[in-house]
Amino acid sequence: MISNSERHFLDHWADQKSGPRWKYYVQFTIAWTVVSFLVIFFLTKLFTNAWETGGNSIIILFITASAITGFLATHFTYTLSDKRYKRIIEREKEKNKLNV
């Protein structure tokens, strides 16, 4: 039996997967890049004086690190969600075979 949270996940993931994979990656890589940049920016502003010692070149480093982090977060999210989706579908197929 599929729980409500699993049903919601299946509907949501089917909607996300309906389009091309590259669109998913572009959209969520940009979103995760912005989030990771803001986190890195505020943490370094709060706890270090890297902005005074690094100058303008530090922002290029942070943008690069944020883009890499954004891509990796998107890739891992996609991979884990796809595995979860397939696992739920397979589990339900097995239950249906046993019930027949």
N, C-alpha and C. Protein backbone atom coordinates (compact mmCIF):
# COMPACT_ATOMS: atom_id res chain seq x y z
N MET A 1 0.84 -1.18 0.00
CA MET A 1 0.00 0.00 0.00
C MET A 1 0.89 1.25 0.00
N ILE A 2 0.55 2.16 -0.85
CA ILE A 2 1.32 3.40 -0.97
C ILE A 2 0.80 4.40 0.05
N SER A 3 1.72 4.97 0.82
CA SER A 3 1.32 5.99 1.79
C SER A 3 1.04 7.31 1.07
N ASN A 4 0.44 8.24 1.79
CA ASN A 4 0.12 9.54 1.19
C ASN A 4 1.39 10.29 0.76
N SER A 5 2.44 10.21 1.58
CA SER A 5 3.68 10.90 1.23
C SER A 5 4.32 10.28 -0.01
N GLU A 6 4.24 8.94 -0.14
CA GLU A 6 4.77 8.29 -1.33
C GLU A 6 3.94 8.63 -2.56
N ARG A 7 2.64 8.69 -2.41
CA ARG A 7 1.78 9.06 -3.54
C ARG A 7 2.09 10.49 -3.99
N HIS A 8 2.26 11.38 -3.03
CA HIS A 8 2.61 12.76 -3.36
C HIS A 8 3.96 12.80 -4.06
N PHE A 9 4.93 12.04 -3.55
CA PHE A 9 6.25 11.98 -4.19
C PHE A 9 6.15 11.45 -5.62
N LEU A 10 5.40 10.37 -5.82
CA LEU A 10 5.25 9.80 -7.16
C LEU A 10 4.65 10.80 -8.14
N ASP A 11 3.61 11.51 -7.70
CA ASP A 11 3.00 12.52 -8.58
C ASP A 11 3.98 13.64 -8.89
N HIS A 12 4.65 14.11 -7.85
CA HIS A 12 5.60 15.22 -8.02
C HIS A 12 6.76 14.80 -8.92
N TRP A 13 7.32 13.63 -8.68
CA TRP A 13 8.48 13.20 -9.45
C TRP A 13 8.09 12.87 -10.90
N ALA A 14 6.92 12.31 -11.10
CA ALA A 14 6.47 12.04 -12.47
C ALA A 14 6.34 13.36 -13.24
N ASP A 15 5.87 14.40 -12.57
CA ASP A 15 5.75 15.71 -13.20
C ASP A 15 7.14 16.28 -13.50
N GLN A 16 8.08 16.15 -12.56
CA GLN A 16 9.43 16.66 -12.77
C GLN A 16 10.14 15.92 -13.90
N LYS A 17 9.92 14.61 -13.98
CA LYS A 17 10.59 13.79 -14.98
C LYS A 17 9.95 13.86 -16.36
N SER A 18 8.78 14.44 -16.47
CA SER A 18 8.06 14.45 -17.74
C SER A 18 8.80 15.24 -18.82
N GLY A 19 9.54 16.25 -18.42
CA GLY A 19 10.27 17.05 -19.38
C GLY A 19 11.66 16.50 -19.63
N PRO A 20 12.41 17.18 -20.48
CA PRO A 20 13.78 16.73 -20.74
C PRO A 20 14.66 16.84 -19.50
N ARG A 21 15.61 15.94 -19.40
CA ARG A 21 16.49 15.91 -18.23
C ARG A 21 17.35 17.18 -18.15
N TRP A 22 17.78 17.70 -19.29
CA TRP A 22 18.65 18.87 -19.28
C TRP A 22 17.93 20.10 -18.72
N LYS A 23 16.62 20.19 -18.96
CA LYS A 23 15.87 21.33 -18.41
C LYS A 23 15.82 21.25 -16.88
N TYR A 24 15.64 20.04 -16.37
CA TYR A 24 15.66 19.84 -14.92
C TYR A 24 17.01 20.28 -14.36
N TYR A 25 18.08 19.82 -15.01
CA TYR A 25 19.42 20.16 -14.54
C TYR A 25 19.69 21.65 -14.59
N VAL A 26 19.30 22.31 -15.66
CA VAL A 26 19.54 23.76 -15.77
C VAL A 26 18.76 24.50 -14.70
N GLN A 27 17.49 24.20 -14.56
CA GLN A 27 16.65 24.90 -13.60
C GLN A 27 17.16 24.73 -12.17
N PHE A 28 17.41 23.50 -11.77
CA PHE A 28 17.79 23.27 -10.39
C PHE A 28 19.25 23.58 -10.11
N THR A 29 20.11 23.49 -11.11
CA THR A 29 21.50 23.90 -10.92
C THR A 29 21.57 25.40 -10.64
N ILE A 30 20.80 26.18 -11.37
CA ILE A 30 20.76 27.63 -11.13
C ILE A 30 20.23 27.91 -9.73
N ALA A 31 19.16 27.23 -9.36
CA ALA A 31 18.58 27.46 -8.03
C ALA A 31 19.56 27.08 -6.91
N TRP A 32 20.17 25.91 -7.01
CA TRP A 32 21.13 25.49 -5.97
C TRP A 32 22.38 26.36 -5.98
N THR A 33 22.78 26.86 -7.13
CA THR A 33 23.94 27.76 -7.20
C THR A 33 23.66 29.03 -6.43
N VAL A 34 22.49 29.60 -6.62
CA VAL A 34 22.13 30.83 -5.90
C VAL A 34 22.09 30.57 -4.40
N VAL A 35 21.46 29.48 -4.00
CA VAL A 35 21.36 29.16 -2.58
C VAL A 35 22.75 28.95 -1.98
N SER A 36 23.58 28.17 -2.65
CA SER A 36 24.91 27.89 -2.10
C SER A 36 25.78 29.15 -2.08
N PHE A 37 25.64 30.02 -3.08
CA PHE A 37 26.39 31.27 -3.06
C PHE A 37 26.00 32.14 -1.87
N LEU A 38 24.71 32.24 -1.64
CA LEU A 38 24.26 33.05 -0.50
C LEU A 38 24.76 32.48 0.82
N VAL A 39 24.73 31.17 0.96
CA VAL A 39 25.22 30.55 2.19
C VAL A 39 26.71 30.82 2.35
N ILE A 40 27.49 30.58 1.29
CA ILE A 40 28.94 30.82 1.36
C ILE A 40 29.23 32.28 1.64
N PHE A 41 28.52 33.17 0.95
CA PHE A 41 28.74 34.60 1.11
C PHE A 41 28.50 35.04 2.56
N PHE A 42 27.35 34.68 3.10
CA PHE A 42 27.03 35.15 4.45
C PHE A 42 27.88 34.48 5.52
N LEU A 43 28.23 33.22 5.33
CA LEU A 43 29.10 32.56 6.31
C LEU A 43 30.50 33.15 6.31
N THR A 44 31.03 33.44 5.12
CA THR A 44 32.36 34.05 5.09
C THR A 44 32.32 35.49 5.59
N LYS A 45 31.26 36.19 5.32
CA LYS A 45 31.13 37.55 5.83
C LYS A 45 31.02 37.55 7.35
N LEU A 46 30.34 36.55 7.88
CA LEU A 46 30.09 36.48 9.31
C LEU A 46 31.30 36.01 10.10
N PHE A 47 32.02 35.02 9.58
CA PHE A 47 33.07 34.37 10.38
C PHE A 47 34.50 34.67 9.95
N THR A 48 34.72 35.27 8.78
CA THR A 48 36.09 35.53 8.34
C THR A 48 36.21 36.95 7.79
N ASN A 49 37.45 37.31 7.55
CA ASN A 49 37.70 38.58 6.87
C ASN A 49 38.23 38.32 5.46
N ALA A 50 37.76 37.24 4.84
CA ALA A 50 38.23 36.85 3.51
C ALA A 50 37.94 37.92 2.47
N TRP A 51 36.88 38.67 2.66
CA TRP A 51 36.53 39.68 1.68
C TRP A 51 37.53 40.83 1.67
N GLU A 52 38.09 41.14 2.83
CA GLU A 52 39.09 42.21 2.89
C GLU A 52 40.43 41.74 2.34
N THR A 53 40.80 40.48 2.60
CA THR A 53 42.10 39.98 2.16
C THR A 53 42.07 39.43 0.74
N GLY A 54 40.93 38.93 0.30
CA GLY A 54 40.85 38.29 -1.01
C GLY A 54 40.54 39.23 -2.14
N GLY A 55 39.89 40.32 -1.84
CA GLY A 55 39.53 41.27 -2.88
C GLY A 55 38.46 40.74 -3.82
N ASN A 56 38.50 41.22 -5.05
CA ASN A 56 37.49 40.84 -6.04
C ASN A 56 37.66 39.41 -6.55
N SER A 57 38.87 38.88 -6.47
CA SER A 57 39.08 37.52 -6.98
C SER A 57 38.37 36.47 -6.12
N ILE A 58 38.09 36.82 -4.88
CA ILE A 58 37.41 35.86 -4.00
C ILE A 58 35.97 35.60 -4.47
N ILE A 59 35.35 36.59 -5.07
CA ILE A 59 33.97 36.40 -5.54
C ILE A 59 33.94 35.42 -6.71
N ILE A 60 34.96 35.44 -7.55
CA ILE A 60 35.03 34.47 -8.67
C ILE A 60 35.19 33.07 -8.11
N LEU A 61 36.00 32.92 -7.10
CA LEU A 61 36.17 31.63 -6.45
C LEU A 61 34.85 31.15 -5.84
N PHE A 62 34.13 32.04 -5.18
CA PHE A 62 32.85 31.67 -4.57
C PHE A 62 31.79 31.32 -5.61
N ILE A 63 31.76 32.05 -6.71
CA ILE A 63 30.80 31.75 -7.77
C ILE A 63 31.11 30.39 -8.39
N THR A 64 32.39 30.10 -8.61
CA THR A 64 32.78 28.80 -9.17
C THR A 64 32.42 27.67 -8.21
N ALA A 65 32.77 27.85 -6.94
CA ALA A 65 32.44 26.83 -5.94
C ALA A 65 30.93 26.64 -5.83
N SER A 66 30.17 27.71 -5.92
CA SER A 66 28.71 27.64 -5.85
C SER A 66 28.13 26.92 -7.05
N ALA A 67 28.68 27.16 -8.24
CA ALA A 67 28.19 26.49 -9.45
C ALA A 67 28.47 24.99 -9.38
N ILE A 68 29.64 24.63 -8.91
CA ILE A 68 29.96 23.20 -8.77
C ILE A 68 29.06 22.56 -7.73
N THR A 69 28.87 23.23 -6.61
CA THR A 69 27.98 22.73 -5.56
C THR A 69 26.56 22.61 -6.07
N GLY A 70 26.11 23.59 -6.83
CA GLY A 70 24.75 23.56 -7.39
C GLY A 70 24.55 22.39 -8.33
N PHE A 71 25.54 22.13 -9.19
CA PHE A 71 25.43 21.00 -10.11
C PHE A 71 25.43 19.68 -9.36
N LEU A 72 26.33 19.53 -8.40
CA LEU A 72 26.40 18.28 -7.63
C LEU A 72 25.12 18.04 -6.83
N ALA A 73 24.58 19.09 -6.23
CA ALA A 73 23.33 18.94 -5.47
C ALA A 73 22.19 18.52 -6.40
N THR A 74 22.14 19.10 -7.58
CA THR A 74 21.12 18.73 -8.56
C THR A 74 21.28 17.29 -9.00
N HIS A 75 22.49 16.90 -9.28
CA HIS A 75 22.75 15.53 -9.75
C HIS A 75 22.37 14.51 -8.67
N PHE A 76 22.79 14.75 -7.43
CA PHE A 76 22.48 13.81 -6.36
C PHE A 76 20.98 13.77 -6.07
N THR A 77 20.32 14.91 -6.12
CA THR A 77 18.88 14.96 -5.90
C THR A 77 18.15 14.17 -6.98
N TYR A 78 18.54 14.38 -8.23
CA TYR A 78 17.91 13.67 -9.34
C TYR A 78 18.12 12.16 -9.21
N THR A 79 19.36 11.77 -8.95
CA THR A 79 19.69 10.36 -8.85
C THR A 79 18.94 9.67 -7.71
N LEU A 80 18.96 10.30 -6.54
CA LEU A 80 18.28 9.71 -5.38
C LEU A 80 16.77 9.66 -5.57
N SER A 81 16.20 10.70 -6.13
CA SER A 81 14.76 10.72 -6.37
C SER A 81 14.35 9.67 -7.39
N ASP A 82 15.16 9.51 -8.43
CA ASP A 82 14.85 8.52 -9.45
C ASP A 82 14.93 7.10 -8.87
N LYS A 83 15.92 6.85 -8.03
CA LYS A 83 16.04 5.54 -7.39
C LYS A 83 14.84 5.28 -6.48
N ARG A 84 14.45 6.29 -5.72
CA ARG A 84 13.30 6.14 -4.82
C ARG A 84 12.04 5.85 -5.62
N TYR A 85 11.85 6.58 -6.72
CA TYR A 85 10.69 6.39 -7.58
C TYR A 85 10.64 4.96 -8.11
N LYS A 86 11.75 4.48 -8.62
CA LYS A 86 11.81 3.12 -9.18
C LYS A 86 11.59 2.07 -8.09
N ARG A 87 12.14 2.32 -6.90
CA ARG A 87 11.97 1.37 -5.80
C ARG A 87 10.50 1.26 -5.38
N ILE A 88 9.80 2.37 -5.30
CA ILE A 88 8.38 2.35 -4.93
C ILE A 88 7.56 1.65 -6.01
N ILE A 89 7.84 1.95 -7.27
CA ILE A 89 7.11 1.32 -8.37
C ILE A 89 7.34 -0.18 -8.37
N GLU A 90 8.58 -0.60 -8.21
CA GLU A 90 8.89 -2.04 -8.19
C GLU A 90 8.22 -2.74 -7.00
N ARG A 91 8.23 -2.09 -5.85
CA ARG A 91 7.59 -2.67 -4.67
C ARG A 91 6.10 -2.88 -4.90
N GLU A 92 5.47 -1.91 -5.52
CA GLU A 92 4.04 -2.02 -5.79
C GLU A 92 3.75 -3.09 -6.86
N LYS A 93 4.63 -3.22 -7.84
CA LYS A 93 4.46 -4.27 -8.84
C LYS A 93 4.57 -5.65 -8.20
N GLU A 94 5.52 -5.80 -7.29
CA GLU A 94 5.70 -7.08 -6.59
C GLU A 94 4.47 -7.40 -5.71
N LYS A 95 3.94 -6.40 -5.05
CA LYS A 95 2.74 -6.62 -4.23
C LYS A 95 1.55 -7.02 -5.09
N ASN A 96 1.44 -6.38 -6.26
CA ASN A 96 0.33 -6.73 -7.15
C ASN A 96 0.47 -8.14 -7.71
N LYS A 97 1.69 -8.57 -7.97
CA LYS A 97 1.92 -9.95 -8.46
C LYS A 97 1.56 -10.97 -7.38
N LEU A 98 1.89 -10.66 -6.13
CA LEU A 98 1.59 -11.57 -5.04
C LEU A 98 0.08 -11.65 -4.74
N ASN A 99 -0.61 -10.56 -4.96
CA ASN A 99 -2.05 -10.52 -4.68
C ASN A 99 -2.89 -11.19 -5.77
N VAL A 100 -2.33 -11.36 -6.95
CA VAL A 100 -3.08 -11.95 -8.05
C VAL A 100 -3.09 -13.42 -8.01
